[in-house]
């Protein structure tokens, strides 16, 4: 039987073993994303048969379950989800579902499923070397932005976020970012999430860095490494420092590079056309599609 618990800052120890072991490279299966968005989606988690299941309330009010992840029985976890949904009189909806997992659900339900795809929630995945080196004509604009930053503000410094400068980072976000960006319900929620991560930075075991120009913080980034992928959960740059976003994007990847790192995941654009343009210009090697899958209750292998 599934027994769900709210995802909180303290949930990291329970979630981390499942996230570290999975190979899908989507941002939804990371501590940073799970905790950041937990309040927005009323997210909860349950452990069943060696598998992790996350339950969320979507924007339209419907309840969805993540694709179960872990080393246990996927069929057993899918059956538990199906029983849980049936007992509560709600549809059995799986979301997000990585593209490679559609076949797993289809096999469990003998091909009876409805699949929906929204490009707004696809993750942008990049070759780490493209982000770090910016080689070739396709990255002329990014290199020009970085050179302009150096010309205007002199040589910059990259510093890791530590306990010693965390208060300064929080002050930077509050003073220069929180009140300078466009206001709408989603952006306001994202600002609250960002502040929550910064307030709990040591407990979430994230990695972060800042760009300094003449001693002032011009940009920050926060994320985490999982397997062969660096996830960028937060990236904020001062608008009055031209080129600062290009600098932090490159330096965050460079300063978190390891021999086993292959990719950088800069996550979704959520339908924001400005973000979509900016992320596309970095030439992703793959768009990690995530799907919503609805299945008929009681018709899977658990009957």
C-alpha atoms as a PDB file:
ATOM      1  CA  UNK A   1       0.000   0.000   0.000  1.00  0.00           C
ATOM      2  CA  UNK A   2       1.268   3.460  -0.881  1.00  0.00           C
ATOM      3  CA  UNK A   3       1.785   5.870   2.012  1.00  0.00           C
ATOM      4  CA  UNK A   4       2.760   9.342   0.842  1.00  0.00           C
ATOM      5  CA  UNK A   5       4.798  11.905   2.773  1.00  0.00           C
ATOM      6  CA  UNK A   6       5.266  15.586   1.847  1.00  0.00           C
ATOM      7  CA  UNK A   7       8.529  16.444   0.097  1.00  0.00           C
ATOM      8  CA  UNK A   8      10.420  18.897   2.293  1.00  0.00           C
ATOM      9  CA  UNK A   9      13.987  20.065   2.759  1.00  0.00           C
ATOM     10  CA  UNK A  10      14.424  17.135   5.127  1.00  0.00           C
ATOM     11  CA  UNK A  11      13.405  14.609   2.431  1.00  0.00           C
ATOM     12  CA  UNK A  12      16.811  14.656   0.771  1.00  0.00           C
ATOM     13  CA  UNK A  13      18.221  11.615   2.567  1.00  0.00           C
ATOM     14  CA  UNK A  14      15.228   9.481   1.527  1.00  0.00           C
ATOM     15  CA  UNK A  15      15.101  10.663  -2.103  1.00  0.00           C
ATOM     16  CA  UNK A  16      18.800  10.860  -2.932  1.00  0.00           C
ATOM     17  CA  UNK A  17      19.558   7.105  -3.325  1.00  0.00           C
ATOM     18  CA  UNK A  18      16.804   6.769  -5.924  1.00  0.00           C
ATOM     19  CA  UNK A  19      17.840   9.894  -7.829  1.00  0.00           C
ATOM     20  CA  UNK A  20      21.524   8.966  -7.872  1.00  0.00           C
ATOM     21  CA  UNK A  21      20.781   5.517  -9.307  1.00  0.00           C
ATOM     22  CA  UNK A  22      18.432   6.600 -12.133  1.00  0.00           C
ATOM     23  CA  UNK A  23      19.788   7.243 -15.636  1.00  0.00           C
ATOM     24  CA  UNK A  24      17.119   9.396 -17.293  1.00  0.00           C
ATOM     25  CA  UNK A  25      18.933  12.759 -16.924  1.00  0.00           C
ATOM     26  CA  UNK A  26      15.659  14.700 -16.476  1.00  0.00           C
ATOM     27  CA  UNK A  27      15.705  17.440 -13.860  1.00  0.00           C
ATOM     28  CA  UNK A  28      12.574  16.121 -12.105  1.00  0.00           C
ATOM     29  CA  UNK A  29      14.642  13.318 -10.587  1.00  0.00           C
ATOM     30  CA  UNK A  30      17.046  15.566  -8.672  1.00  0.00           C
ATOM     31  CA  UNK A  31      16.941  16.836  -5.097  1.00  0.00           C
ATOM     32  CA  UNK A  32      17.053  20.474  -6.158  1.00  0.00           C
ATOM     33  CA  UNK A  33      14.073  20.289  -8.507  1.00  0.00           C
ATOM     34  CA  UNK A  34      12.026  17.984  -6.268  1.00  0.00           C
ATOM     35  CA  UNK A  35      12.377  20.244  -3.235  1.00  0.00           C
ATOM     36  CA  UNK A  36      12.143  23.547  -5.125  1.00  0.00           C
ATOM     37  CA  UNK A  37       8.854  22.660  -6.811  1.00  0.00           C
ATOM     38  CA  UNK A  38       7.339  20.571  -4.004  1.00  0.00           C
ATOM     39  CA  UNK A  39       5.155  23.381  -2.691  1.00  0.00           C
ATOM     40  CA  UNK A  40       4.064  24.509  -6.149  1.00  0.00           C
ATOM     41  CA  UNK A  41       2.815  21.026  -7.054  1.00  0.00           C
ATOM     42  CA  UNK A  42       1.926  19.831  -3.522  1.00  0.00           C
ATOM     43  CA  UNK A  43       4.395  17.015  -4.134  1.00  0.00           C
ATOM     44  CA  UNK A  44       4.623  13.935  -1.922  1.00  0.00           C
ATOM     45  CA  UNK A  45       6.644  10.730  -2.130  1.00  0.00           C
ATOM     46  CA  UNK A  46       6.188   7.084  -1.260  1.00  0.00           C
ATOM     47  CA  UNK A  47       8.469   4.054  -1.284  1.00  0.00           C
ATOM     48  CA  UNK A  48       7.111   0.704  -2.466  1.00  0.00           C
ATOM     49  CA  UNK A  49       8.844  -2.521  -3.508  1.00  0.00           C
ATOM     50  CA  UNK A  50      12.240  -0.830  -3.739  1.00  0.00           C
ATOM     51  CA  UNK A  51      10.835   1.941  -5.918  1.00  0.00           C
ATOM     52  CA  UNK A  52      10.169   5.654  -5.412  1.00  0.00           C
ATOM     53  CA  UNK A  53       6.905   7.255  -6.515  1.00  0.00           C
ATOM     54  CA  UNK A  54       6.204  11.009  -6.448  1.00  0.00           C
ATOM     55  CA  UNK A  55       2.627  12.272  -6.445  1.00  0.00           C
ATOM     56  CA  UNK A  56       1.868  15.811  -7.624  1.00  0.00           C
ATOM     57  CA  UNK A  57      -1.173  18.011  -8.165  1.00  0.00           C
ATOM     58  CA  UNK A  58      -0.997  19.487 -11.665  1.00  0.00           C
ATOM     59  CA  UNK A  59      -2.033  23.000 -12.675  1.00  0.00           C
ATOM     60  CA  UNK A  60      -5.452  21.766 -13.823  1.00  0.00           C
ATOM     61  CA  UNK A  61      -6.075  20.167 -10.422  1.00  0.00           C
ATOM     62  CA  UNK A  62      -5.573  16.569 -11.528  1.00  0.00           C
ATOM     63  CA  UNK A  63      -3.291  14.210  -9.611  1.00  0.00           C
ATOM     64  CA  UNK A  64      -0.331  12.603 -11.369  1.00  0.00           C
ATOM     65  CA  UNK A  65       2.303  10.064 -10.367  1.00  0.00           C
ATOM     66  CA  UNK A  66       5.894  10.041 -11.504  1.00  0.00           C
ATOM     67  CA  UNK A  67       7.343   7.101 -13.326  1.00  0.00           C
ATOM     68  CA  UNK A  68       8.534   4.806 -10.488  1.00  0.00           C
ATOM     69  CA  UNK A  69      12.328   4.719 -10.192  1.00  0.00           C
ATOM     70  CA  UNK A  70      14.580   2.413  -8.231  1.00  0.00           C
ATOM     71  CA  UNK A  71      16.045  -1.088  -8.236  1.00  0.00           C
ATOM     72  CA  UNK A  72      12.823  -2.872  -7.308  1.00  0.00           C
ATOM     73  CA  UNK A  73       9.794  -4.093  -9.259  1.00  0.00           C
ATOM     74  CA  UNK A  74       8.310  -1.535 -11.659  1.00  0.00           C
ATOM     75  CA  UNK A  75       5.253  -3.735 -12.196  1.00  0.00           C
ATOM     76  CA  UNK A  76       4.570  -3.920  -8.462  1.00  0.00           C
ATOM     77  CA  UNK A  77       4.926  -0.159  -8.091  1.00  0.00           C
ATOM     78  CA  UNK A  78       2.629   0.472 -11.065  1.00  0.00           C
ATOM     79  CA  UNK A  79       0.026  -1.854  -9.550  1.00  0.00           C
ATOM     80  CA  UNK A  80       0.242   0.015  -6.232  1.00  0.00           C
ATOM     81  CA  UNK A  81      -0.336   3.322  -8.028  1.00  0.00           C
ATOM     82  CA  UNK A  82      -3.285   1.879  -9.917  1.00  0.00           C
ATOM     83  CA  UNK A  83      -4.909   0.596  -6.709  1.00  0.00           C
ATOM     84  CA  UNK A  84      -4.281   3.925  -4.953  1.00  0.00           C
ATOM     85  CA  UNK A  85      -5.943   5.895  -7.761  1.00  0.00           C
ATOM     86  CA  UNK A  86      -8.882   3.492  -8.047  1.00  0.00           C
ATOM     87  CA  UNK A  87      -9.585   3.610  -4.294  1.00  0.00           C
ATOM     88  CA  UNK A  88      -9.747   7.402  -4.445  1.00  0.00           C
ATOM     89  CA  UNK A  89     -11.773   7.629  -7.623  1.00  0.00           C
ATOM     90  CA  UNK A  90      -9.146   9.523  -9.607  1.00  0.00           C
ATOM     91  CA  UNK A  91      -7.680   8.748 -13.060  1.00  0.00           C
ATOM     92  CA  UNK A  92      -4.372   6.887 -13.217  1.00  0.00           C
ATOM     93  CA  UNK A  93      -2.045   9.485 -14.732  1.00  0.00           C
ATOM     94  CA  UNK A  94       1.752   9.235 -14.926  1.00  0.00           C
ATOM     95  CA  UNK A  95       3.732  12.472 -15.255  1.00  0.00           C
ATOM     96  CA  UNK A  96       6.527  13.144 -15.919  1.00  0.00           C
ATOM     97  CA  UNK A  97       7.373  10.056 -17.965  1.00  0.00           C
ATOM     98  CA  UNK A  98      10.765   9.982 -19.739  1.00  0.00           C
ATOM     99  CA  UNK A  99      10.443   8.948 -23.366  1.00  0.00           C
ATOM    100  CA  UNK A 100      12.186   5.619 -22.815  1.00  0.00           C
ATOM    101  CA  UNK A 101       9.698   4.679 -20.086  1.00  0.00           C
ATOM    102  CA  UNK A 102       6.578   4.843 -22.253  1.00  0.00           C
ATOM    103  CA  UNK A 103       7.286   1.302 -23.425  1.00  0.00           C
ATOM    104  CA  UNK A 104       7.479   0.105 -19.788  1.00  0.00           C
ATOM    105  CA  UNK A 105       4.008   1.472 -19.036  1.00  0.00           C
ATOM    106  CA  UNK A 106       2.679   0.224 -22.369  1.00  0.00           C
ATOM    107  CA  UNK A 107       3.968  -3.273 -21.620  1.00  0.00           C
ATOM    108  CA  UNK A 108       2.361  -3.220 -18.175  1.00  0.00           C
ATOM    109  CA  UNK A 109      -0.996  -2.102 -19.582  1.00  0.00           C
ATOM    110  CA  UNK A 110      -0.807  -4.191 -22.766  1.00  0.00           C
ATOM    111  CA  UNK A 111      -0.596  -1.092 -24.947  1.00  0.00           C
ATOM    112  CA  UNK A 112      -3.739   0.616 -23.655  1.00  0.00           C
ATOM    113  CA  UNK A 113      -2.654   4.164 -22.870  1.00  0.00           C
ATOM    114  CA  UNK A 114      -3.108   7.791 -23.890  1.00  0.00           C
ATOM    115  CA  UNK A 115       0.074   9.819 -24.315  1.00  0.00           C
ATOM    116  CA  UNK A 116       0.430  13.609 -24.293  1.00  0.00           C
ATOM    117  CA  UNK A 117       3.566  15.668 -24.890  1.00  0.00           C
ATOM    118  CA  UNK A 118       4.182  19.325 -24.056  1.00  0.00           C
ATOM    119  CA  UNK A 119       7.374  20.881 -25.432  1.00  0.00           C
ATOM    120  CA  UNK A 120       7.233  23.547 -22.706  1.00  0.00           C
ATOM    121  CA  UNK A 121       8.510  20.985 -20.170  1.00  0.00           C
ATOM    122  CA  UNK A 122      11.295  19.369 -22.182  1.00  0.00           C
ATOM    123  CA  UNK A 123      14.784  19.679 -20.722  1.00  0.00           C
ATOM    124  CA  UNK A 124      17.633  21.221 -22.724  1.00  0.00           C
ATOM    125  CA  UNK A 125      20.634  18.873 -22.638  1.00  0.00           C
ATOM    126  CA  UNK A 126      24.064  20.102 -23.806  1.00  0.00           C
ATOM    127  CA  UNK A 127      27.462  18.598 -24.385  1.00  0.00           C
ATOM    128  CA  UNK A 128      29.545  19.979 -21.518  1.00  0.00           C
ATOM    129  CA  UNK A 129      32.357  20.933 -23.885  1.00  0.00           C
ATOM    130  CA  UNK A 130      30.049  23.174 -25.904  1.00  0.00           C
ATOM    131  CA  UNK A 131      29.128  25.109 -22.765  1.00  0.00           C
ATOM    132  CA  UNK A 132      32.668  25.279 -21.396  1.00  0.00           C
ATOM    133  CA  UNK A 133      34.663  25.942 -24.572  1.00  0.00           C
ATOM    134  CA  UNK A 134      32.182  27.819 -26.802  1.00  0.00           C
ATOM    135  CA  UNK A 135      34.146  26.779 -29.883  1.00  0.00           C
ATOM    136  CA  UNK A 136      33.117  27.493 -33.447  1.00  0.00           C
ATOM    137  CA  UNK A 137      31.024  30.055 -35.311  1.00  0.00           C
ATOM    138  CA  UNK A 138      27.763  28.918 -33.754  1.00  0.00           C
ATOM    139  CA  UNK A 139      28.920  30.337 -30.407  1.00  0.00           C
ATOM    140  CA  UNK A 140      30.200  33.686 -31.740  1.00  0.00           C
ATOM    141  CA  UNK A 141      27.465  35.624 -29.928  1.00  0.00           C
ATOM    142  CA  UNK A 142      28.208  34.033 -26.553  1.00  0.00           C
ATOM    143  CA  UNK A 143      31.936  34.662 -26.870  1.00  0.00           C
ATOM    144  CA  UNK A 144      31.229  38.276 -27.837  1.00  0.00           C
ATOM    145  CA  UNK A 145      29.063  38.734 -24.735  1.00  0.00           C
ATOM    146  CA  UNK A 146      31.848  37.407 -22.514  1.00  0.00           C
ATOM    147  CA  UNK A 147      34.470  39.616 -24.187  1.00  0.00           C
ATOM    148  CA  UNK A 148      32.213  42.634 -23.764  1.00  0.00           C
ATOM    149  CA  UNK A 149      31.791  41.808 -20.086  1.00  0.00           C
ATOM    150  CA  UNK A 150      35.577  41.742 -19.656  1.00  0.00           C
ATOM    151  CA  UNK A 151      35.990  44.994 -21.597  1.00  0.00           C
ATOM    152  CA  UNK A 152      33.377  46.847 -19.571  1.00  0.00           C
ATOM    153  CA  UNK A 153      34.111  45.477 -16.094  1.00  0.00           C
ATOM    154  CA  UNK A 154      37.628  44.074 -16.212  1.00  0.00           C
ATOM    155  CA  UNK A 155      38.708  40.559 -15.336  1.00  0.00           C
ATOM    156  CA  UNK A 156      36.121  38.700 -13.329  1.00  0.00           C
ATOM    157  CA  UNK A 157      36.426  36.147 -10.520  1.00  0.00           C
ATOM    158  CA  UNK A 158      34.434  32.954  -9.997  1.00  0.00           C
ATOM    159  CA  UNK A 159      33.873  32.005  -6.350  1.00  0.00           C
ATOM    160  CA  UNK A 160      32.075  28.895  -5.076  1.00  0.00           C
ATOM    161  CA  UNK A 161      29.098  29.535  -2.816  1.00  0.00           C
ATOM    162  CA  UNK A 162      30.126  28.686   0.738  1.00  0.00           C
ATOM    163  CA  UNK A 163      28.870  29.259   4.267  1.00  0.00           C
ATOM    164  CA  UNK A 164      31.108  32.352   4.372  1.00  0.00           C
ATOM    165  CA  UNK A 165      29.487  34.146   1.411  1.00  0.00           C
ATOM    166  CA  UNK A 166      25.957  32.699   1.538  1.00  0.00           C
ATOM    167  CA  UNK A 167      24.504  35.777   3.250  1.00  0.00           C
ATOM    168  CA  UNK A 168      26.005  37.931   0.499  1.00  0.00           C
ATOM    169  CA  UNK A 169      24.456  35.681  -2.162  1.00  0.00           C
ATOM    170  CA  UNK A 170      21.034  35.932  -0.526  1.00  0.00           C
ATOM    171  CA  UNK A 171      21.397  39.697  -0.342  1.00  0.00           C
ATOM    172  CA  UNK A 172      22.334  39.785  -4.042  1.00  0.00           C
ATOM    173  CA  UNK A 173      19.202  37.884  -5.004  1.00  0.00           C
ATOM    174  CA  UNK A 174      16.941  39.952  -2.778  1.00  0.00           C
ATOM    175  CA  UNK A 175      18.370  43.309  -3.842  1.00  0.00           C
ATOM    176  CA  UNK A 176      19.146  42.951  -7.527  1.00  0.00           C
ATOM    177  CA  UNK A 177      17.018  40.110  -8.828  1.00  0.00           C
ATOM    178  CA  UNK A 178      13.855  39.566  -6.856  1.00  0.00           C
ATOM    179  CA  UNK A 179      12.443  43.022  -7.550  1.00  0.00           C
ATOM    180  CA  UNK A 180      13.842  43.549 -11.047  1.00  0.00           C
ATOM    181  CA  UNK A 181      12.216  40.681 -12.957  1.00  0.00           C
ATOM    182  CA  UNK A 182       8.763  40.566 -14.513  1.00  0.00           C
ATOM    183  CA  UNK A 183       5.987  39.886 -12.050  1.00  0.00           C
ATOM    184  CA  UNK A 184       3.450  37.143 -12.582  1.00  0.00           C
ATOM    185  CA  UNK A 185       2.233  34.265 -10.428  1.00  0.00           C
ATOM    186  CA  UNK A 186       4.743  31.767 -11.840  1.00  0.00           C
ATOM    187  CA  UNK A 187       7.758  34.073 -11.599  1.00  0.00           C
ATOM    188  CA  UNK A 188       6.770  35.058  -8.068  1.00  0.00           C
ATOM    189  CA  UNK A 189       6.626  31.377  -7.145  1.00  0.00           C
ATOM    190  CA  UNK A 190      10.025  30.802  -8.728  1.00  0.00           C
ATOM    191  CA  UNK A 191      11.517  33.643  -6.688  1.00  0.00           C
ATOM    192  CA  UNK A 192      10.163  32.101  -3.507  1.00  0.00           C
ATOM    193  CA  UNK A 193      11.647  28.740  -4.531  1.00  0.00           C
ATOM    194  CA  UNK A 194      15.022  30.331  -5.220  1.00  0.00           C
ATOM    195  CA  UNK A 195      15.069  32.018  -1.831  1.00  0.00           C
ATOM    196  CA  UNK A 196      14.075  28.750  -0.158  1.00  0.00           C
ATOM    197  CA  UNK A 197      17.018  26.963  -1.803  1.00  0.00           C
ATOM    198  CA  UNK A 198      19.436  29.699  -0.754  1.00  0.00           C
ATOM    199  CA  UNK A 199      18.057  29.645   2.805  1.00  0.00           C
ATOM    200  CA  UNK A 200      18.612  25.874   2.967  1.00  0.00           C
ATOM    201  CA  UNK A 201      21.666  25.641   0.728  1.00  0.00           C
ATOM    202  CA  UNK A 202      23.916  23.519   3.020  1.00  0.00           C
ATOM    203  CA  UNK A 203      21.123  21.059   3.867  1.00  0.00           C
ATOM    204  CA  UNK A 204      20.227  20.459   0.207  1.00  0.00           C
ATOM    205  CA  UNK A 205      23.827  19.557  -0.679  1.00  0.00           C
ATOM    206  CA  UNK A 206      23.858  21.726  -3.798  1.00  0.00           C
ATOM    207  CA  UNK A 207      26.813  23.235  -5.652  1.00  0.00           C
ATOM    208  CA  UNK A 208      26.878  26.909  -6.540  1.00  0.00           C
ATOM    209  CA  UNK A 209      29.035  29.767  -7.702  1.00  0.00           C
ATOM    210  CA  UNK A 210      29.137  33.509  -8.201  1.00  0.00           C
ATOM    211  CA  UNK A 211      30.752  35.830 -10.727  1.00  0.00           C
ATOM    212  CA  UNK A 212      32.383  38.913  -9.243  1.00  0.00           C
ATOM    213  CA  UNK A 213      33.269  42.043 -11.158  1.00  0.00           C
ATOM    214  CA  UNK A 214      35.259  44.639  -9.227  1.00  0.00           C
ATOM    215  CA  UNK A 215      34.258  42.785  -6.061  1.00  0.00           C
ATOM    216  CA  UNK A 216      30.505  42.919  -6.688  1.00  0.00           C
ATOM    217  CA  UNK A 217      28.425  39.831  -7.411  1.00  0.00           C
ATOM    218  CA  UNK A 218      27.150  40.073 -10.989  1.00  0.00           C
ATOM    219  CA  UNK A 219      25.608  36.595 -11.339  1.00  0.00           C
ATOM    220  CA  UNK A 220      24.962  33.368  -9.457  1.00  0.00           C
ATOM    221  CA  UNK A 221      24.207  29.756 -10.349  1.00  0.00           C
ATOM    222  CA  UNK A 222      23.113  26.796  -8.216  1.00  0.00           C
ATOM    223  CA  UNK A 223      22.721  23.173  -9.233  1.00  0.00           C
ATOM    224  CA  UNK A 224      23.974  19.657  -8.647  1.00  0.00           C
ATOM    225  CA  UNK A 225      25.842  16.834 -10.326  1.00  0.00           C
ATOM    226  CA  UNK A 226      23.999  13.538 -10.751  1.00  0.00           C
ATOM    227  CA  UNK A 227      25.824  10.798 -12.627  1.00  0.00           C
ATOM    228  CA  UNK A 228      27.279  12.221 -15.830  1.00  0.00           C
ATOM    229  CA  UNK A 229      25.098  15.358 -15.816  1.00  0.00           C
ATOM    230  CA  UNK A 230      25.351  18.807 -14.235  1.00  0.00           C
ATOM    231  CA  UNK A 231      21.887  20.239 -13.545  1.00  0.00           C
ATOM    232  CA  UNK A 232      21.461  24.021 -13.438  1.00  0.00           C
ATOM    233  CA  UNK A 233      18.538  24.731 -11.111  1.00  0.00           C
ATOM    234  CA  UNK A 234      19.109  28.445 -10.587  1.00  0.00           C
ATOM    235  CA  UNK A 235      20.854  31.003 -12.800  1.00  0.00           C
ATOM    236  CA  UNK A 236      20.430  34.694 -12.047  1.00  0.00           C
ATOM    237  CA  UNK A 237      22.364  37.636 -13.468  1.00  0.00           C
ATOM    238  CA  UNK A 238      22.217  41.381 -12.943  1.00  0.00           C
ATOM    239  CA  UNK A 239      20.829  43.165 -15.982  1.00  0.00           C
ATOM    240  CA  UNK A 240      23.117  46.129 -15.428  1.00  0.00           C
ATOM    241  CA  UNK A 241      26.158  43.885 -15.984  1.00  0.00           C
ATOM    242  CA  UNK A 242      26.057  43.196 -19.717  1.00  0.00           C
ATOM    243  CA  UNK A 243      27.088  39.658 -20.599  1.00  0.00           C
ATOM    244  CA  UNK A 244      26.926  38.382 -17.026  1.00  0.00           C
ATOM    245  CA  UNK A 245      24.511  35.568 -17.900  1.00  0.00           C
ATOM    246  CA  UNK A 246      26.908  34.239 -20.558  1.00  0.00           C
ATOM    247  CA  UNK A 247      29.806  34.354 -18.111  1.00  0.00           C
ATOM    248  CA  UNK A 248      28.047  32.489 -15.288  1.00  0.00           C
ATOM    249  CA  UNK A 249      26.707  29.863 -17.702  1.00  0.00           C
ATOM    250  CA  UNK A 250      30.214  29.044 -18.924  1.00  0.00           C
ATOM    251  CA  UNK A 251      32.010  29.309 -15.584  1.00  0.00           C
ATOM    252  CA  UNK A 252      29.482  27.282 -13.598  1.00  0.00           C
ATOM    253  CA  UNK A 253      30.001  24.347 -15.967  1.00  0.00           C
ATOM    254  CA  UNK A 254      33.774  24.851 -16.088  1.00  0.00           C
ATOM    255  CA  UNK A 255      34.144  24.937 -12.317  1.00  0.00           C
ATOM    256  CA  UNK A 256      31.993  21.842 -11.838  1.00  0.00           C
ATOM    257  CA  UNK A 257      33.648  19.801 -14.556  1.00  0.00           C
ATOM    258  CA  UNK A 258      34.943  16.317 -13.731  1.00  0.00           C
ATOM    259  CA  UNK A 259      36.320  13.511 -15.909  1.00  0.00           C
ATOM    260  CA  UNK A 260      32.995  11.650 -15.653  1.00  0.00           C
ATOM    261  CA  UNK A 261      30.848  14.673 -16.529  1.00  0.00           C
ATOM    262  CA  UNK A 262      29.387  14.573 -20.044  1.00  0.00           C
ATOM    263  CA  UNK A 263      26.333  16.798 -20.116  1.00  0.00           C
ATOM    264  CA  UNK A 264      24.796  19.997 -18.757  1.00  0.00           C
ATOM    265  CA  UNK A 265      21.027  20.068 -18.246  1.00  0.00           C
ATOM    266  CA  UNK A 266      19.667  23.626 -18.235  1.00  0.00           C
ATOM    267  CA  UNK A 267      16.132  22.373 -17.667  1.00  0.00           C
ATOM    268  CA  UNK A 268      12.844  23.587 -19.201  1.00  0.00           C
ATOM    269  CA  UNK A 269      11.754  26.886 -20.712  1.00  0.00           C
ATOM    270  CA  UNK A 270       8.144  26.466 -19.437  1.00  0.00           C
ATOM    271  CA  UNK A 271       6.857  28.144 -22.580  1.00  0.00           C
ATOM    272  CA  UNK A 272       8.772  31.386 -21.970  1.00  0.00           C
ATOM    273  CA  UNK A 273       9.857  32.474 -25.456  1.00  0.00           C
ATOM    274  CA  UNK A 274      12.767  34.519 -24.132  1.00  0.00           C
ATOM    275  CA  UNK A 275      14.146  31.502 -22.290  1.00  0.00           C
ATOM    276  CA  UNK A 276      13.486  29.298 -25.293  1.00  0.00           C
ATOM    277  CA  UNK A 277      15.497  31.571 -27.570  1.00  0.00           C
ATOM    278  CA  UNK A 278      18.363  31.873 -25.089  1.00  0.00           C
ATOM    279  CA  UNK A 279      18.580  28.133 -24.439  1.00  0.00           C
ATOM    280  CA  UNK A 280      18.282  27.204 -28.104  1.00  0.00           C
ATOM    281  CA  UNK A 281      21.236  29.453 -28.969  1.00  0.00           C
ATOM    282  CA  UNK A 282      23.493  27.174 -26.926  1.00  0.00           C
ATOM    283  CA  UNK A 283      22.758  24.328 -29.372  1.00  0.00           C
ATOM    284  CA  UNK A 284      21.414  21.484 -27.209  1.00  0.00           C
ATOM    285  CA  UNK A 285      22.458  18.000 -28.260  1.00  0.00           C
ATOM    286  CA  UNK A 286      19.074  16.653 -27.176  1.00  0.00           C
ATOM    287  CA  UNK A 287      15.689  17.788 -25.944  1.00  0.00           C
ATOM    288  CA  UNK A 288      14.709  15.430 -23.139  1.00  0.00           C
ATOM    289  CA  UNK A 289      11.005  14.916 -23.741  1.00  0.00           C
ATOM    290  CA  UNK A 290       8.698  14.241 -20.822  1.00  0.00           C
ATOM    291  CA  UNK A 291       5.207  12.886 -21.290  1.00  0.00           C
ATOM    292  CA  UNK A 292       1.879  12.588 -19.524  1.00  0.00           C
ATOM    293  CA  UNK A 293       0.448   9.059 -19.796  1.00  0.00           C
ATOM    294  CA  UNK A 294      -3.098   8.103 -18.818  1.00  0.00           C
ATOM    295  CA  UNK A 295      -3.922   4.412 -18.460  1.00  0.00           C
ATOM    296  CA  UNK A 296      -7.139   2.409 -17.920  1.00  0.00           C
ATOM    297  CA  UNK A 297      -7.558   1.361 -14.295  1.00  0.00           C
ATOM    298  CA  UNK A 298      -7.543  -2.327 -13.453  1.00  0.00           C
ATOM    299  CA  UNK A 299      -6.356  -3.491 -16.865  1.00  0.00           C
ATOM    300  CA  UNK A 300      -2.655  -3.909 -16.225  1.00  0.00           C
ATOM    301  CA  UNK A 301      -0.621  -6.917 -15.105  1.00  0.00           C
ATOM    302  CA  UNK A 302      -1.900  -6.444 -11.528  1.00  0.00           C
ATOM    303  CA  UNK A 303      -5.410  -7.714 -12.248  1.00  0.00           C
END
